Amino acid sequence: MATSSCDHAGRTRWGICYFFDSTKLRHTEEALREAQVQLQRWNVELEEAVHAKTVEVLESQEQLCRLATELNLAEQRKRKRFATELHDHLHATDVGCGKAENRPGQVRGDRSAGM
């Protein structure tokens, strides 16, 4: 950049010359562009990692639901088996003690059914 002042005859009386070294500015701009590219790469990597973890969490959640259902069904089967065994044991105890006199449709003390 240059500027000057001239007299009435058009002769230069004085002049200023200004030089600007833009090397540092160009290096800074290039570093900024490289940083932006790296930031974009990191953003893509982060999004991919979040997606992978989300898929992993959803799969774990589905597995947990399957296991909870399986556990619930196993508990129900165990309760039913226990109730059946308890019923059979109590019935066997009643028969062994002679308390099985009442048959379905027969009321205790009703002797007409046996005649």
PDB file of N, CA and C in Angstrom:
ATOM      1  N   MET A   1       0.854  -1.154   0.000  1.00  0.00           N
ATOM      2  CA  MET A   1       0.000   0.000   0.000  1.00  0.00           C
ATOM      3  C   MET A   1       0.912   1.232   0.000  1.00  0.00           C
ATOM      4  N   ALA A   2       0.512   2.189  -0.819  1.00  0.00           N
ATOM      5  CA  ALA A   2       1.345   3.392  -0.914  1.00  0.00           C
ATOM      6  C   ALA A   2       0.446   4.615  -1.032  1.00  0.00           C
ATOM      7  N   THR A   3       0.915   5.698  -0.491  1.00  0.00           N
ATOM      8  CA  THR A   3       0.197   6.975  -0.599  1.00  0.00           C
ATOM      9  C   THR A   3       1.249   8.079  -0.768  1.00  0.00           C
ATOM     10  N   SER A   4       0.843   9.155  -1.415  1.00  0.00           N
ATOM     11  CA  SER A   4       1.806  10.253  -1.612  1.00  0.00           C
ATOM     12  C   SER A   4       1.055  11.586  -1.670  1.00  0.00           C
ATOM     13  N   SER A   5       1.824  12.651  -1.564  1.00  0.00           N
ATOM     14  CA  SER A   5       1.269  13.996  -1.653  1.00  0.00           C
ATOM     15  C   SER A   5       2.043  14.755  -2.729  1.00  0.00           C
ATOM     16  N   CYS A   6       1.336  15.458  -3.559  1.00  0.00           N
ATOM     17  CA  CYS A   6       1.965  16.176  -4.659  1.00  0.00           C
ATOM     18  C   CYS A   6       1.788  17.702  -4.476  1.00  0.00           C
ATOM     19  N   ASP A   7       2.748  18.471  -5.029  1.00  0.00           N
ATOM     20  CA  ASP A   7       2.614  19.931  -4.972  1.00  0.00           C
ATOM     21  C   ASP A   7       1.758  20.398  -6.153  1.00  0.00           C
ATOM     22  N   HIS A   8       1.596  21.752  -6.332  1.00  0.00           N
ATOM     23  CA  HIS A   8       0.739  22.304  -7.372  1.00  0.00           C
ATOM     24  C   HIS A   8       1.253  22.000  -8.781  1.00  0.00           C
ATOM     25  N   ALA A   9       2.526  21.645  -8.884  1.00  0.00           N
ATOM     26  CA  ALA A   9       3.079  21.316 -10.198  1.00  0.00           C
ATOM     27  C   ALA A   9       2.989  19.832 -10.497  1.00  0.00           C
ATOM     28  N   GLY A  10       2.510  19.077  -9.526  1.00  0.00           N
ATOM     29  CA  GLY A  10       2.371  17.641  -9.745  1.00  0.00           C
ATOM     30  C   GLY A  10       3.572  16.822  -9.333  1.00  0.00           C
ATOM     31  N   ARG A  11       4.493  17.501  -8.645  1.00  0.00           N
ATOM     32  CA  ARG A  11       5.677  16.762  -8.184  1.00  0.00           C
ATOM     33  C   ARG A  11       5.386  16.175  -6.808  1.00  0.00           C
ATOM     34  N   THR A  12       5.908  15.022  -6.590  1.00  0.00           N
ATOM     35  CA  THR A  12       5.710  14.347  -5.312  1.00  0.00           C
ATOM     36  C   THR A  12       6.503  15.064  -4.254  1.00  0.00           C
ATOM     37  N   ARG A  13       5.793  15.436  -3.184  1.00  0.00           N
ATOM     38  CA  ARG A  13       6.462  16.093  -2.066  1.00  0.00           C
ATOM     39  C   ARG A  13       6.874  15.076  -1.020  1.00  0.00           C
ATOM     40  N   TRP A  14       6.037  14.153  -0.789  1.00  0.00           N
ATOM     41  CA  TRP A  14       6.369  13.100   0.180  1.00  0.00           C
ATOM     42  C   TRP A  14       5.566  11.839  -0.166  1.00  0.00           C
ATOM     43  N   GLY A  15       5.965  10.741   0.348  1.00  0.00           N
ATOM     44  CA  GLY A  15       5.270   9.484   0.077  1.00  0.00           C
ATOM     45  C   GLY A  15       5.412   8.509   1.235  1.00  0.00           C
ATOM     46  N   ILE A  16       4.423   7.699   1.383  1.00  0.00           N
ATOM     47  CA  ILE A  16       4.448   6.650   2.420  1.00  0.00           C
ATOM     48  C   ILE A  16       4.206   5.325   1.723  1.00  0.00           C
ATOM     49  N   CYS A  17       5.022   4.432   2.038  1.00  0.00           N
ATOM     50  CA  CYS A  17       4.875   3.077   1.512  1.00  0.00           C
ATOM     51  C   CYS A  17       4.636   2.146   2.696  1.00  0.00           C
ATOM     52  N   TYR A  18       3.631   1.322   2.582  1.00  0.00           N
ATOM     53  CA  TYR A  18       3.288   0.401   3.670  1.00  0.00           C
ATOM     54  C   TYR A  18       3.228  -1.001   3.106  1.00  0.00           C
ATOM     55  N   PHE A  19       3.985  -1.889   3.730  1.00  0.00           N
ATOM     56  CA  PHE A  19       3.986  -3.283   3.304  1.00  0.00           C
ATOM     57  C   PHE A  19       3.380  -4.130   4.415  1.00  0.00           C
ATOM     58  N   PHE A  20       2.569  -5.078   4.005  1.00  0.00           N
ATOM     59  CA  PHE A  20       1.935  -5.980   4.973  1.00  0.00           C
ATOM     60  C   PHE A  20       2.296  -7.406   4.607  1.00  0.00           C
ATOM     61  N   ASP A  21       2.923  -8.087   5.545  1.00  0.00           N
ATOM     62  CA  ASP A  21       3.279  -9.491   5.334  1.00  0.00           C
ATOM     63  C   ASP A  21       2.083 -10.338   5.758  1.00  0.00           C
ATOM     64  N   SER A  22       1.403 -10.917   4.799  1.00  0.00           N
ATOM     65  CA  SER A  22       0.198 -11.702   5.088  1.00  0.00           C
ATOM     66  C   SER A  22       0.498 -13.187   5.296  1.00  0.00           C
ATOM     67  N   THR A  23       1.756 -13.540   5.377  1.00  0.00           N
ATOM     68  CA  THR A  23       2.131 -14.944   5.561  1.00  0.00           C
ATOM     69  C   THR A  23       1.513 -15.524   6.816  1.00  0.00           C
ATOM     70  N   LYS A  24       1.629 -14.796   7.912  1.00  0.00           N
ATOM     71  CA  LYS A  24       1.096 -15.273   9.183  1.00  0.00           C
ATOM     72  C   LYS A  24      -0.428 -15.437   9.102  1.00  0.00           C
ATOM     73  N   LEU A  25      -1.086 -14.486   8.444  1.00  0.00           N
ATOM     74  CA  LEU A  25      -2.539 -14.559   8.272  1.00  0.00           C
ATOM     75  C   LEU A  25      -2.928 -15.792   7.451  1.00  0.00           C
ATOM     76  N   ARG A  26      -2.207 -16.029   6.358  1.00  0.00           N
ATOM     77  CA  ARG A  26      -2.493 -17.210   5.525  1.00  0.00           C
ATOM     78  C   ARG A  26      -2.289 -18.492   6.319  1.00  0.00           C
ATOM     79  N   HIS A  27      -1.239 -18.573   7.110  1.00  0.00           N
ATOM     80  CA  HIS A  27      -0.986 -19.765   7.933  1.00  0.00           C
ATOM     81  C   HIS A  27      -2.116 -19.954   8.960  1.00  0.00           C
ATOM     82  N   THR A  28      -2.546 -18.848   9.549  1.00  0.00           N
ATOM     83  CA  THR A  28      -3.623 -18.919  10.542  1.00  0.00           C
ATOM     84  C   THR A  28      -4.930 -19.377   9.896  1.00  0.00           C
ATOM     85  N   GLU A  29      -5.226 -18.852   8.707  1.00  0.00           N
ATOM     86  CA  GLU A  29      -6.440 -19.258   8.001  1.00  0.00           C
ATOM     87  C   GLU A  29      -6.385 -20.737   7.623  1.00  0.00           C
ATOM     88  N   GLU A  30      -5.236 -21.198   7.177  1.00  0.00           N
ATOM     89  CA  GLU A  30      -5.072 -22.613   6.826  1.00  0.00           C
ATOM     90  C   GLU A  30      -5.231 -23.499   8.068  1.00  0.00           C
ATOM     91  N   ALA A  31      -4.666 -23.085   9.175  1.00  0.00           N
ATOM     92  CA  ALA A  31      -4.807 -23.851  10.424  1.00  0.00           C
ATOM     93  C   ALA A  31      -6.279 -23.899  10.850  1.00  0.00           C
ATOM     94  N   LEU A  32      -6.982 -22.788  10.648  1.00  0.00           N
ATOM     95  CA  LEU A  32      -8.405 -22.756  10.979  1.00  0.00           C
ATOM     96  C   LEU A  32      -9.186 -23.731  10.099  1.00  0.00           C
ATOM     97  N   ARG A  33      -8.907 -23.749   8.794  1.00  0.00           N
ATOM     98  CA  ARG A  33      -9.585 -24.694   7.888  1.00  0.00           C
ATOM     99  C   ARG A  33      -9.299 -26.139   8.288  1.00  0.00           C
ATOM    100  N   GLU A  34      -8.042 -26.441   8.629  1.00  0.00           N
ATOM    101  CA  GLU A  34      -7.686 -27.801   9.050  1.00  0.00           C
ATOM    102  C   GLU A  34      -8.399 -28.173  10.350  1.00  0.00           C
ATOM    103  N   ALA A  35      -8.502 -27.238  11.272  1.00  0.00           N
ATOM    104  CA  ALA A  35      -9.201 -27.488  12.530  1.00  0.00           C
ATOM    105  C   ALA A  35     -10.689 -27.749  12.282  1.00  0.00           C
ATOM    106  N   GLN A  36     -11.275 -27.015  11.332  1.00  0.00           N
ATOM    107  CA  GLN A  36     -12.684 -27.230  11.008  1.00  0.00           C
ATOM    108  C   GLN A  36     -12.905 -28.612  10.395  1.00  0.00           C
ATOM    109  N   VAL A  37     -11.992 -29.035   9.527  1.00  0.00           N
ATOM    110  CA  VAL A  37     -12.087 -30.370   8.928  1.00  0.00           C
ATOM    111  C   VAL A  37     -11.958 -31.438  10.013  1.00  0.00           C
ATOM    112  N   GLN A  38     -10.994 -31.270  10.909  1.00  0.00           N
ATOM    113  CA  GLN A  38     -10.806 -32.237  12.000  1.00  0.00           C
ATOM    114  C   GLN A  38     -12.042 -32.271  12.899  1.00  0.00           C
ATOM    115  N   LEU A  39     -12.607 -31.116  13.181  1.00  0.00           N
ATOM    116  CA  LEU A  39     -13.812 -31.042  14.008  1.00  0.00           C
ATOM    117  C   LEU A  39     -14.969 -31.786  13.346  1.00  0.00           C
ATOM    118  N   GLN A  40     -15.113 -31.629  12.038  1.00  0.00           N
ATOM    119  CA  GLN A  40     -16.156 -32.355  11.311  1.00  0.00           C
ATOM    120  C   GLN A  40     -15.929 -33.861  11.389  1.00  0.00           C
ATOM    121  N   ARG A  41     -14.666 -34.298  11.258  1.00  0.00           N
ATOM    122  CA  ARG A  41     -14.346 -35.734  11.378  1.00  0.00           C
ATOM    123  C   ARG A  41     -14.705 -36.251  12.764  1.00  0.00           C
ATOM    124  N   TRP A  42     -14.340 -35.502  13.784  1.00  0.00           N
ATOM    125  CA  TRP A  42     -14.662 -35.918  15.154  1.00  0.00           C
ATOM    126  C   TRP A  42     -16.167 -35.977  15.370  1.00  0.00           C
ATOM    127  N   ASN A  43     -16.877 -35.032  14.782  1.00  0.00           N
ATOM    128  CA  ASN A  43     -18.333 -35.019  14.911  1.00  0.00           C
ATOM    129  C   ASN A  43     -18.929 -36.285  14.291  1.00  0.00           C
ATOM    130  N   VAL A  44     -18.451 -36.677  13.118  1.00  0.00           N
ATOM    131  CA  VAL A  44     -18.932 -37.904  12.472  1.00  0.00           C
ATOM    132  C   VAL A  44     -18.599 -39.121  13.339  1.00  0.00           C
ATOM    133  N   GLU A  45     -17.375 -39.180  13.844  1.00  0.00           N
ATOM    134  CA  GLU A  45     -16.974 -40.295  14.706  1.00  0.00           C
ATOM    135  C   GLU A  45     -17.841 -40.364  15.963  1.00  0.00           C
ATOM    136  N   LEU A  46     -18.117 -39.206  16.544  1.00  0.00           N
ATOM    137  CA  LEU A  46     -18.950 -39.163  17.750  1.00  0.00           C
ATOM    138  C   LEU A  46     -20.367 -39.640  17.447  1.00  0.00           C
ATOM    139  N   GLU A  47     -20.930 -39.193  16.346  1.00  0.00           N
ATOM    140  CA  GLU A  47     -22.275 -39.629  15.968  1.00  0.00           C
ATOM    141  C   GLU A  47     -22.310 -41.138  15.746  1.00  0.00           C
ATOM    142  N   GLU A  48     -21.280 -41.692  15.115  1.00  0.00           N
ATOM    143  CA  GLU A  48     -21.214 -43.138  14.891  1.00  0.00           C
ATOM    144  C   GLU A  48     -21.110 -43.885  16.218  1.00  0.00           C
ATOM    145  N   ALA A  49     -20.307 -43.369  17.135  1.00  0.00           N
ATOM    146  CA  ALA A  49     -20.161 -44.009  18.444  1.00  0.00           C
ATOM    147  C   ALA A  49     -21.473 -43.959  19.222  1.00  0.00           C
ATOM    148  N   VAL A  50     -22.160 -42.832  19.173  1.00  0.00           N
ATOM    149  CA  VAL A  50     -23.448 -42.704  19.867  1.00  0.00           C
ATOM    150  C   VAL A  50     -24.450 -43.687  19.271  1.00  0.00           C
ATOM    151  N   HIS A  51     -24.467 -43.794  17.945  1.00  0.00           N
ATOM    152  CA  HIS A  51     -25.387 -44.724  17.289  1.00  0.00           C
ATOM    153  C   HIS A  51     -25.083 -46.163  17.714  1.00  0.00           C
ATOM    154  N   ALA A  52     -23.800 -46.532  17.717  1.00  0.00           N
ATOM    155  CA  ALA A  52     -23.418 -47.891  18.104  1.00  0.00           C
ATOM    156  C   ALA A  52     -23.825 -48.174  19.547  1.00  0.00           C
ATOM    157  N   LYS A  53     -23.584 -47.238  20.455  1.00  0.00           N
ATOM    158  CA  LYS A  53     -23.967 -47.435  21.860  1.00  0.00           C
ATOM    159  C   LYS A  53     -25.486 -47.510  22.015  1.00  0.00           C
ATOM    160  N   THR A  54     -26.214 -46.715  21.231  1.00  0.00           N
ATOM    161  CA  THR A  54     -27.671 -46.748  21.292  1.00  0.00           C
ATOM    162  C   THR A  54     -28.185 -48.121  20.868  1.00  0.00           C
ATOM    163  N   VAL A  55     -27.630 -48.655  19.797  1.00  0.00           N
ATOM    164  CA  VAL A  55     -28.015 -49.994  19.335  1.00  0.00           C
ATOM    165  C   VAL A  55     -27.693 -51.018  20.417  1.00  0.00           C
ATOM    166  N   GLU A  56     -26.532 -50.899  21.022  1.00  0.00           N
ATOM    167  CA  GLU A  56     -26.118 -51.826  22.085  1.00  0.00           C
ATOM    168  C   GLU A  56     -27.072 -51.758  23.279  1.00  0.00           C
ATOM    169  N   VAL A  57     -27.449 -50.564  23.677  1.00  0.00           N
ATOM    170  CA  VAL A  57     -28.368 -50.390  24.811  1.00  0.00           C
ATOM    171  C   VAL A  57     -29.739 -50.978  24.476  1.00  0.00           C
ATOM    172  N   LEU A  58     -30.225 -50.738  23.264  1.00  0.00           N
ATOM    173  CA  LEU A  58     -31.526 -51.280  22.872  1.00  0.00           C
ATOM    174  C   LEU A  58     -31.514 -52.805  22.841  1.00  0.00           C
ATOM    175  N   GLU A  59     -30.418 -53.389  22.351  1.00  0.00           N
ATOM    176  CA  GLU A  59     -30.295 -54.849  22.345  1.00  0.00           C
ATOM    177  C   GLU A  59     -30.261 -55.388  23.775  1.00  0.00           C
ATOM    178  N   SER A  60     -29.538 -54.725  24.648  1.00  0.00           N
ATOM    179  CA  SER A  60     -29.481 -55.140  26.055  1.00  0.00           C
ATOM    180  C   SER A  60     -30.854 -55.027  26.705  1.00  0.00           C
ATOM    181  N   GLN A  61     -31.570 -53.973  26.374  1.00  0.00           N
ATOM    182  CA  GLN A  61     -32.912 -53.779  26.925  1.00  0.00           C
ATOM    183  C   GLN A  61     -33.850 -54.897  26.459  1.00  0.00           C
ATOM    184  N   GLU A  62     -33.773 -55.260  25.180  1.00  0.00           N
ATOM    185  CA  GLU A  62     -34.604 -56.352  24.668  1.00  0.00           C
ATOM    186  C   GLU A  62     -34.243 -57.665  25.357  1.00  0.00           C
ATOM    187  N   GLN A  63     -32.962 -57.921  25.537  1.00  0.00           N
ATOM    188  CA  GLN A  63     -32.522 -59.143  26.208  1.00  0.00           C
ATOM    189  C   GLN A  63     -33.015 -59.155  27.653  1.00  0.00           C
ATOM    190  N   LEU A  64     -32.949 -58.025  28.322  1.00  0.00           N
ATOM    191  CA  LEU A  64     -33.422 -57.928  29.698  1.00  0.00           C
ATOM    192  C   LEU A  64     -34.917 -58.214  29.771  1.00  0.00           C
ATOM    193  N   CYS A  65     -35.675 -57.681  28.826  1.00  0.00           N
ATOM    194  CA  CYS A  65     -37.123 -57.953  28.801  1.00  0.00           C
ATOM    195  C   CYS A  65     -37.394 -59.438  28.577  1.00  0.00           C
ATOM    196  N   ARG A  66     -36.645 -60.062  27.658  1.00  0.00           N
ATOM    197  CA  ARG A  66     -36.819 -61.506  27.416  1.00  0.00           C
ATOM    198  C   ARG A  66     -36.500 -62.309  28.680  1.00  0.00           C
ATOM    199  N   LEU A  67     -35.413 -61.940  29.351  1.00  0.00           N
ATOM    200  CA  LEU A  67     -35.033 -62.664  30.562  1.00  0.00           C
ATOM    201  C   LEU A  67     -36.051 -62.463  31.682  1.00  0.00           C
ATOM    202  N   ALA A  68     -36.587 -61.254  31.803  1.00  0.00           N
ATOM    203  CA  ALA A  68     -37.595 -60.983  32.828  1.00  0.00           C
ATOM    204  C   ALA A  68     -38.852 -61.796  32.551  1.00  0.00           C
ATOM    205  N   THR A  69     -39.252 -61.889  31.291  1.00  0.00           N
ATOM    206  CA  THR A  69     -40.419 -62.689  30.917  1.00  0.00           C
ATOM    207  C   THR A  69     -40.159 -64.163  31.208  1.00  0.00           C
ATOM    208  N   GLU A  70     -38.983 -64.633  30.847  1.00  0.00           N
ATOM    209  CA  GLU A  70     -38.623 -66.029  31.092  1.00  0.00           C
ATOM    210  C   GLU A  70     -38.626 -66.327  32.593  1.00  0.00           C
ATOM    211  N   LEU A  71     -38.101 -65.418  33.392  1.00  0.00           N
ATOM    212  CA  LEU A  71     -38.086 -65.594  34.842  1.00  0.00           C
ATOM    213  C   LEU A  71     -39.508 -65.621  35.383  1.00  0.00           C
ATOM    214  N   ASN A  72     -40.350 -64.735  34.919  1.00  0.00           N
ATOM    215  CA  ASN A  72     -41.741 -64.689  35.361  1.00  0.00           C
ATOM    216  C   ASN A  72     -42.451 -65.996  35.033  1.00  0.00           C
ATOM    217  N   LEU A  73     -42.262 -66.507  33.815  1.00  0.00           N
ATOM    218  CA  LEU A  73     -42.893 -67.778  33.431  1.00  0.00           C
ATOM    219  C   LEU A  73     -42.355 -68.933  34.273  1.00  0.00           C
ATOM    220  N   ALA A  74     -41.063 -68.931  34.551  1.00  0.00           N
ATOM    221  CA  ALA A  74     -40.476 -69.992  35.384  1.00  0.00           C
ATOM    222  C   ALA A  74     -41.058 -69.939  36.795  1.00  0.00           C
ATOM    223  N   GLU A  75     -41.228 -68.727  37.333  1.00  0.00           N
ATOM    224  CA  GLU A  75     -41.840 -68.593  38.668  1.00  0.00           C
ATOM    225  C   GLU A  75     -43.275 -69.105  38.661  1.00  0.00           C
ATOM    226  N   GLN A  76     -44.030 -68.783  37.613  1.00  0.00           N
ATOM    227  CA  GLN A  76     -45.407 -69.269  37.522  1.00  0.00           C
ATOM    228  C   GLN A  76     -45.457 -70.783  37.454  1.00  0.00           C
ATOM    229  N   ARG A  77     -44.573 -71.394  36.652  1.00  0.00           N
ATOM    230  CA  ARG A  77     -44.531 -72.865  36.559  1.00  0.00           C
ATOM    231  C   ARG A  77     -44.176 -73.475  37.909  1.00  0.00           C
ATOM    232  N   LYS A  78     -43.219 -72.871  38.602  1.00  0.00           N
ATOM    233  CA  LYS A  78     -42.806 -73.398  39.906  1.00  0.00           C
ATOM    234  C   LYS A  78     -43.951 -73.294  40.912  1.00  0.00           C
ATOM    235  N   ARG A  79     -44.654 -72.163  40.924  1.00  0.00           N
ATOM    236  CA  ARG A  79     -45.786 -72.009  41.842  1.00  0.00           C
ATOM    237  C   ARG A  79     -46.875 -73.039  41.546  1.00  0.00           C
ATOM    238  N   LYS A  80     -47.151 -73.237  40.266  1.00  0.00           N
ATOM    239  CA  LYS A  80     -48.182 -74.203  39.880  1.00  0.00           C
ATOM    240  C   LYS A  80     -47.760 -75.612  40.299  1.00  0.00           C
ATOM    241  N   ARG A  81     -46.494 -75.971  40.055  1.00  0.00           N
ATOM    242  CA  ARG A  81     -45.997 -77.296  40.450  1.00  0.00           C
ATOM    243  C   ARG A  81     -46.065 -77.460  41.967  1.00  0.00           C
ATOM    244  N   PHE A  82     -45.676 -76.408  42.696  1.00  0.00           N
ATOM    245  CA  PHE A  82     -45.729 -76.458  44.157  1.00  0.00           C
ATOM    246  C   PHE A  82     -47.168 -76.618  44.638  1.00  0.00           C
ATOM    247  N   ALA A  83     -48.099 -75.873  44.041  1.00  0.00           N
ATOM    248  CA  ALA A  83     -49.509 -75.975  44.433  1.00  0.00           C
ATOM    249  C   ALA A  83     -50.036 -77.374  44.155  1.00  0.00           C
ATOM    250  N   THR A  84     -49.670 -77.947  43.009  1.00  0.00           N
ATOM    251  CA  THR A  84     -50.113 -79.305  42.678  1.00  0.00           C
ATOM    252  C   THR A  84     -49.537 -80.317  43.667  1.00  0.00           C
ATOM    253  N   GLU A  85     -48.259 -80.189  43.961  1.00  0.00           N
ATOM    254  CA  GLU A  85     -47.633 -81.113  44.924  1.00  0.00           C
ATOM    255  C   GLU A  85     -48.260 -80.966  46.309  1.00  0.00           C
ATOM    256  N   LEU A  86     -48.507 -79.743  46.724  1.00  0.00           N
ATOM    257  CA  LEU A  86     -49.141 -79.512  48.022  1.00  0.00           C
ATOM    258  C   LEU A  86     -50.543 -80.096  48.046  1.00  0.00           C
ATOM    259  N   HIS A  87     -51.305 -79.888  46.990  1.00  0.00           N
ATOM    260  CA  HIS A  87     -52.653 -80.447  46.904  1.00  0.00           C
ATOM    261  C   HIS A  87     -52.607 -81.967  46.969  1.00  0.00           C
ATOM    262  N   ASP A  88     -51.717 -82.573  46.189  1.00  0.00           N
ATOM    263  CA  ASP A  88     -51.588 -84.041  46.196  1.00  0.00           C
ATOM    264  C   ASP A  88     -51.175 -84.546  47.567  1.00  0.00           C
ATOM    265  N   HIS A  89     -50.254 -83.857  48.211  1.00  0.00           N
ATOM    266  CA  HIS A  89     -49.801 -84.272  49.542  1.00  0.00           C
ATOM    267  C   HIS A  89     -50.947 -84.173  50.558  1.00  0.00           C
ATOM    268  N   LEU A  90     -51.673 -83.057  50.527  1.00  0.00           N
ATOM    269  CA  LEU A  90     -52.802 -82.901  51.461  1.00  0.00           C
ATOM    270  C   LEU A  90     -53.880 -83.940  51.184  1.00  0.00           C
ATOM    271  N   HIS A  91     -54.139 -84.240  49.922  1.00  0.00           N
ATOM    272  CA  HIS A  91     -55.131 -85.264  49.580  1.00  0.00           C
ATOM    273  C   HIS A  91     -54.675 -86.627  50.098  1.00  0.00           C
ATOM    274  N   ALA A  92     -53.391 -86.943  49.918  1.00  0.00           N
ATOM    275  CA  ALA A  92     -52.871 -88.224  50.403  1.00  0.00           C
ATOM    276  C   ALA A  92     -52.949 -88.285  51.919  1.00  0.00           C
ATOM    277  N   THR A  93     -52.697 -87.172  52.590  1.00  0.00           N
ATOM    278  CA  THR A  93     -52.778 -87.125  54.048  1.00  0.00           C
ATOM    279  C   THR A  93     -54.221 -87.349  54.489  1.00  0.00           C
ATOM    280  N   ASP A  94     -55.186 -86.731  53.806  1.00  0.00           N
ATOM    281  CA  ASP A  94     -56.603 -86.905  54.137  1.00  0.00           C
ATOM    282  C   ASP A  94     -57.037 -88.361  53.935  1.00  0.00           C
ATOM    283  N   VAL A  95     -56.600 -88.975  52.859  1.00  0.00           N
ATOM    284  CA  VAL A  95     -56.963 -90.365  52.589  1.00  0.00           C
ATOM    285  C   VAL A  95     -56.358 -91.267  53.650  1.00  0.00           C
ATOM    286  N   GLY A  96     -55.116 -91.006  54.011  1.00  0.00           N
ATOM    287  CA  GLY A  96     -54.436 -91.818  55.018  1.00  0.00           C
ATOM    288  C   GLY A  96     -55.080 -91.696  56.382  1.00  0.00           C
ATOM    289  N   CYS A  97     -55.693 -90.574  56.667  1.00  0.00           N
ATOM    290  CA  CYS A  97     -56.328 -90.352  57.961  1.00  0.00           C
ATOM    291  C   CYS A  97     -57.803 -90.739  57.937  1.00  0.00           C
ATOM    292  N   GLY A  98     -58.294 -91.240  56.819  1.00  0.00           N
ATOM    293  CA  GLY A  98     -59.693 -91.612  56.729  1.00  0.00           C
ATOM    294  C   GLY A  98     -60.616 -90.435  56.554  1.00  0.00           C
ATOM    295  N   LYS A  99     -60.126 -89.303  56.142  1.00  0.00           N
ATOM    296  CA  LYS A  99     -60.950 -88.108  55.985  1.00  0.00           C
ATOM    297  C   LYS A  99     -61.492 -87.990  54.570  1.00  0.00           C
ATOM    298  N   ALA A 100     -61.254 -88.956  53.760  1.00  0.00           N
ATOM    299  CA  ALA A 100     -61.702 -88.893  52.385  1.00  0.00           C
ATOM    300  C   ALA A 100     -63.063 -89.534  52.216  1.00  0.00           C
ATOM    301  N   GLU A 101     -63.860 -89.540  53.268  1.00  0.00           N
ATOM    302  CA  GLU A 101     -65.184 -90.156  53.207  1.00  0.00           C
ATOM    303  C   GLU A 101     -66.090 -89.394  52.257  1.00  0.00           C
ATOM    304  N   ASN A 102     -65.986 -88.110  52.259  1.00  0.00           N
ATOM    305  CA  ASN A 102     -66.853 -87.311  51.404  1.00  0.00           C
ATOM    306  C   ASN A 102     -66.386 -87.387  49.961  1.00  0.00           C
ATOM    307  N   ARG A 103     -67.268 -87.855  49.140  1.00  0.00           N
ATOM    308  CA  ARG A 103     -67.002 -87.904  47.712  1.00  0.00           C
ATOM    309  C   ARG A 103     -67.707 -86.697  47.087  1.00  0.00           C
ATOM    310  N   PRO A 104     -67.332 -86.316  45.914  1.00  0.00           N
ATOM    311  CA  PRO A 104     -68.033 -85.216  45.268  1.00  0.00           C
ATOM    312  C   PRO A 104     -69.532 -85.516  45.207  1.00  0.00           C
ATOM    313  N   GLY A 105     -70.311 -84.554  45.595  1.00  0.00           N
ATOM    314  CA  GLY A 105     -71.758 -84.710  45.587  1.00  0.00           C
ATOM    315  C   GLY A 105     -72.307 -85.300  46.873  1.00  0.00           C
ATOM    316  N   GLN A 106     -71.449 -85.675  47.766  1.00  0.00           N
ATOM    317  CA  GLN A 106     -71.892 -86.276  49.035  1.00  0.00           C
ATOM    318  C   GLN A 106     -71.604 -85.300  50.160  1.00  0.00           C
ATOM    319  N   VAL A 107     -72.560 -85.091  51.008  1.00  0.00           N
ATOM    320  CA  VAL A 107     -72.422 -84.193  52.136  1.00  0.00           C
ATOM    321  C   VAL A 107     -72.108 -85.027  53.356  1.00  0.00           C
ATOM    322  N   ARG A 108     -71.237 -84.523  54.195  1.00  0.00           N
ATOM    323  CA  ARG A 108     -70.842 -85.241  55.393  1.00  0.00           C
ATOM    324  C   ARG A 108     -72.080 -85.517  56.254  1.00  0.00           C
ATOM    325  N   GLY A 109     -72.210 -86.727  56.680  1.00  0.00           N
ATOM    326  CA  GLY A 109     -73.329 -87.106  57.510  1.00  0.00           C
ATOM    327  C   GLY A 109     -74.529 -87.569  56.678  1.00  0.00           C
ATOM    328  N   ASP A 110     -74.456 -87.468  55.376  1.00  0.00           N
ATOM    329  CA  ASP A 110     -75.538 -87.925  54.504  1.00  0.00           C
ATOM    330  C   ASP A 110     -75.347 -89.395  54.224  1.00  0.00           C
ATOM    331  N   ARG A 111     -76.129 -90.253  54.845  1.00  0.00           N
ATOM    332  CA  ARG A 111     -75.936 -91.698  54.730  1.00  0.00           C
ATOM    333  C   ARG A 111     -76.770 -92.274  53.601  1.00  0.00           C
ATOM    334  N   SER A 112     -77.633 -91.474  53.002  1.00  0.00           N
ATOM    335  CA  SER A 112     -78.477 -92.008  51.967  1.00  0.00           C
ATOM    336  C   SER A 112     -77.688 -92.288  50.687  1.00  0.00           C
ATOM    337  N   ALA A 113     -76.599 -91.576  50.503  1.00  0.00           N
ATOM    338  CA  ALA A 113     -75.805 -91.789  49.296  1.00  0.00           C
ATOM    339  C   ALA A 113     -75.114 -93.116  49.312  1.00  0.00           C
ATOM    340  N   GLY A 114     -74.823 -93.653  50.483  1.00  0.00           N
ATOM    341  CA  GLY A 114     -74.127 -94.913  50.567  1.00  0.00           C
ATOM    342  C   GLY A 114     -75.085 -96.083  50.552  1.00  0.00           C
ATOM    343  N   MET A 115     -76.379 -95.927  50.617  1.00  0.00           N
ATOM    344  CA  MET A 115     -77.340 -97.021  50.680  1.00  0.00           C
ATOM    345  C   MET A 115     -77.895 -97.344  49.366  1.00  0.00           C
TER     346      MET A 115
END
